[in-house]
Amino acid sequence: MTGTVGASGSLSAVVSIGTAATTLEEQVAFLLRRNEEAQKEVNAVVERVAAIEQDLPRRLDELREGFETRLESELAAALTEYRPARIIGAGLVALGLGLATAGNFLG
């Protein structure tokens, strides 16, 4: 009888338990031990997944809040930086409209 033993990562080992030197009781005991170890490993994985599931919404909220804060600060900085250009542009548009209107009256 041959069994495969897996560990965390990609490590695995093949253990032979069917030699003539081992008794049936030893083989059963070995299989029971391996089953218990496998169950412990599965339980550990389940616990890690549950911890990730519980932590994920909190971490997403933190990331979202950080993103919103940074976006707000970047937007405020951009608005402050380009305010003079916007004011000059609005003044030039008003001047252009005034000149176009004056041109229509004169022409």
C-alpha atoms as a PDB file:
ATOM      1  CA  MET A   1       0.000   0.000   0.000  1.00  0.00           C
ATOM      2  CA  THR A   2       1.389   3.443  -0.933  1.00  0.00           C
ATOM      3  CA  GLY A   3       0.189   6.844   0.324  1.00  0.00           C
ATOM      4  CA  THR A   4       1.001  10.421  -0.607  1.00  0.00           C
ATOM      5  CA  VAL A   5       1.790  12.882   2.115  1.00  0.00           C
ATOM      6  CA  GLY A   6       1.319  16.596   1.348  1.00  0.00           C
ATOM      7  CA  ALA A   7       2.696  19.560   3.250  1.00  0.00           C
ATOM      8  CA  SER A   8       2.233  23.300   2.920  1.00  0.00           C
ATOM      9  CA  GLY A   9       3.539  24.641  -0.349  1.00  0.00           C
ATOM     10  CA  SER A  10       4.345  22.209  -3.082  1.00  0.00           C
ATOM     11  CA  LEU A  11       6.255  19.677  -0.993  1.00  0.00           C
ATOM     12  CA  SER A  12       4.980  16.103  -1.050  1.00  0.00           C
ATOM     13  CA  ALA A  13       6.337  12.720  -0.107  1.00  0.00           C
ATOM     14  CA  VAL A  14       5.433   9.142  -0.864  1.00  0.00           C
ATOM     15  CA  VAL A  15       5.419   6.821   2.123  1.00  0.00           C
ATOM     16  CA  SER A  16       5.301   3.092   1.694  1.00  0.00           C
ATOM     17  CA  ILE A  17       3.464   1.287   4.478  1.00  0.00           C
ATOM     18  CA  GLY A  18       3.003  -2.104   2.901  1.00  0.00           C
ATOM     19  CA  THR A  19       6.311  -3.748   3.730  1.00  0.00           C
ATOM     20  CA  ALA A  20       6.384  -7.204   5.214  1.00  0.00           C
ATOM     21  CA  ALA A  21       7.958  -5.856   8.425  1.00  0.00           C
ATOM     22  CA  THR A  22       4.843  -3.846   9.342  1.00  0.00           C
ATOM     23  CA  THR A  23       1.784  -5.452  10.806  1.00  0.00           C
ATOM     24  CA  LEU A  24      -1.787  -4.647   9.896  1.00  0.00           C
ATOM     25  CA  GLU A  25      -2.219  -2.811  13.211  1.00  0.00           C
ATOM     26  CA  GLU A  26       0.833  -0.648  12.496  1.00  0.00           C
ATOM     27  CA  GLN A  27      -0.492   0.142   9.038  1.00  0.00           C
ATOM     28  CA  VAL A  28      -3.903   1.115  10.432  1.00  0.00           C
ATOM     29  CA  ALA A  29      -2.258   3.220  13.149  1.00  0.00           C
ATOM     30  CA  PHE A  30      -0.138   4.953  10.506  1.00  0.00           C
ATOM     31  CA  LEU A  31      -3.176   5.675   8.360  1.00  0.00           C
ATOM     32  CA  LEU A  32      -5.100   6.995  11.349  1.00  0.00           C
ATOM     33  CA  ARG A  33      -2.186   9.303  12.220  1.00  0.00           C
ATOM     34  CA  ARG A  34      -1.983  10.528   8.634  1.00  0.00           C
ATOM     35  CA  ASN A  35      -5.743  11.091   8.572  1.00  0.00           C
ATOM     36  CA  GLU A  36      -5.551  13.126  11.779  1.00  0.00           C
ATOM     37  CA  GLU A  37      -2.653  15.188  10.416  1.00  0.00           C
ATOM     38  CA  ALA A  38      -4.552  15.808   7.183  1.00  0.00           C
ATOM     39  CA  GLN A  39      -7.632  16.905   9.142  1.00  0.00           C
ATOM     40  CA  LYS A  40      -5.502  19.311  11.199  1.00  0.00           C
ATOM     41  CA  GLU A  41      -4.032  20.768   8.015  1.00  0.00           C
ATOM     42  CA  VAL A  42      -7.487  21.195   6.484  1.00  0.00           C
ATOM     43  CA  ASN A  43      -8.746  22.830   9.686  1.00  0.00           C
ATOM     44  CA  ALA A  44      -5.767  25.217   9.635  1.00  0.00           C
ATOM     45  CA  VAL A  45      -6.574  26.185   6.044  1.00  0.00           C
ATOM     46  CA  VAL A  46     -10.242  26.694   6.923  1.00  0.00           C
ATOM     47  CA  GLU A  47      -9.228  28.947   9.835  1.00  0.00           C
ATOM     48  CA  ARG A  48      -6.927  31.002   7.578  1.00  0.00           C
ATOM     49  CA  VAL A  49      -9.665  31.408   4.974  1.00  0.00           C
ATOM     50  CA  ALA A  50     -12.154  32.445   7.651  1.00  0.00           C
ATOM     51  CA  ALA A  51      -9.677  35.009   9.013  1.00  0.00           C
ATOM     52  CA  ILE A  52      -9.159  36.407   5.522  1.00  0.00           C
ATOM     53  CA  GLU A  53     -12.910  36.566   4.932  1.00  0.00           C
ATOM     54  CA  GLN A  54     -13.372  38.495   8.177  1.00  0.00           C
ATOM     55  CA  ASP A  55     -10.422  40.829   7.563  1.00  0.00           C
ATOM     56  CA  LEU A  56     -11.097  41.537   3.883  1.00  0.00           C
ATOM     57  CA  PRO A  57     -14.070  43.945   4.281  1.00  0.00           C
ATOM     58  CA  ARG A  58     -12.156  46.009   6.858  1.00  0.00           C
ATOM     59  CA  ARG A  59      -9.087  46.199   4.645  1.00  0.00           C
ATOM     60  CA  LEU A  60     -11.188  47.133   1.618  1.00  0.00           C
ATOM     61  CA  ASP A  61     -12.831  49.918   3.635  1.00  0.00           C
ATOM     62  CA  GLU A  62      -9.406  51.196   4.700  1.00  0.00           C
ATOM     63  CA  LEU A  63      -8.184  51.167   1.097  1.00  0.00           C
ATOM     64  CA  ARG A  64     -11.350  52.912  -0.119  1.00  0.00           C
ATOM     65  CA  GLU A  65     -11.048  55.594   2.561  1.00  0.00           C
ATOM     66  CA  GLY A  66      -7.382  56.116   1.738  1.00  0.00           C
ATOM     67  CA  PHE A  67      -8.186  56.400  -1.953  1.00  0.00           C
ATOM     68  CA  GLU A  68     -11.021  58.871  -1.310  1.00  0.00           C
ATOM     69  CA  THR A  69      -8.818  60.987   0.957  1.00  0.00           C
ATOM     70  CA  ARG A  70      -6.020  61.084  -1.577  1.00  0.00           C
ATOM     71  CA  LEU A  71      -8.423  61.846  -4.417  1.00  0.00           C
ATOM     72  CA  GLU A  72      -9.973  64.711  -2.461  1.00  0.00           C
ATOM     73  CA  SER A  73      -6.582  66.208  -1.619  1.00  0.00           C
ATOM     74  CA  GLU A  74      -5.315  65.854  -5.201  1.00  0.00           C
ATOM     75  CA  LEU A  75      -8.497  67.421  -6.575  1.00  0.00           C
ATOM     76  CA  ALA A  76      -8.315  70.309  -4.104  1.00  0.00           C
ATOM     77  CA  ALA A  77      -4.661  70.900  -5.026  1.00  0.00           C
ATOM     78  CA  ALA A  78      -5.476  70.856  -8.745  1.00  0.00           C
ATOM     79  CA  LEU A  79      -8.384  73.272  -8.294  1.00  0.00           C
ATOM     80  CA  THR A  80      -6.180  75.628  -6.283  1.00  0.00           C
ATOM     81  CA  GLU A  81      -3.332  75.406  -8.800  1.00  0.00           C
ATOM     82  CA  TYR A  82      -5.455  76.158 -11.855  1.00  0.00           C
ATOM     83  CA  ARG A  83      -7.771  78.769 -10.297  1.00  0.00           C
ATOM     84  CA  PRO A  84      -5.846  81.769 -11.689  1.00  0.00           C
ATOM     85  CA  ALA A  85      -5.853  80.227 -15.179  1.00  0.00           C
ATOM     86  CA  ARG A  86      -9.605  79.617 -14.966  1.00  0.00           C
ATOM     87  CA  ILE A  87     -10.263  83.192 -13.847  1.00  0.00           C
ATOM     88  CA  ILE A  88      -8.118  84.610 -16.662  1.00  0.00           C
ATOM     89  CA  GLY A  89      -9.817  82.282 -19.145  1.00  0.00           C
ATOM     90  CA  ALA A  90     -13.288  83.365 -18.007  1.00  0.00           C
ATOM     91  CA  GLY A  91     -12.213  87.011 -18.264  1.00  0.00           C
ATOM     92  CA  LEU A  92     -10.891  86.470 -21.782  1.00  0.00           C
ATOM     93  CA  VAL A  93     -14.121  84.733 -22.818  1.00  0.00           C
ATOM     94  CA  ALA A  94     -16.138  87.681 -21.448  1.00  0.00           C
ATOM     95  CA  LEU A  95     -13.816  90.112 -23.260  1.00  0.00           C
ATOM     96  CA  GLY A  96     -14.188  88.140 -26.482  1.00  0.00           C
ATOM     97  CA  LEU A  97     -17.960  88.128 -26.183  1.00  0.00           C
ATOM     98  CA  GLY A  98     -17.940  91.852 -25.481  1.00  0.00           C
ATOM     99  CA  LEU A  99     -15.726  92.539 -28.499  1.00  0.00           C
ATOM    100  CA  ALA A 100     -17.883  90.311 -30.711  1.00  0.00           C
ATOM    101  CA  THR A 101     -21.017  92.125 -29.571  1.00  0.00           C
ATOM    102  CA  ALA A 102     -19.376  95.517 -30.136  1.00  0.00           C
ATOM    103  CA  GLY A 103     -18.260  94.355 -33.567  1.00  0.00           C
ATOM    104  CA  ASN A 104     -21.829  93.410 -34.442  1.00  0.00           C
ATOM    105  CA  PHE A 105     -23.070  96.878 -33.459  1.00  0.00           C
ATOM    106  CA  LEU A 106     -20.339  98.653 -35.418  1.00  0.00           C
ATOM    107  CA  GLY A 107     -20.503  96.461 -38.458  1.00  0.00           C
END
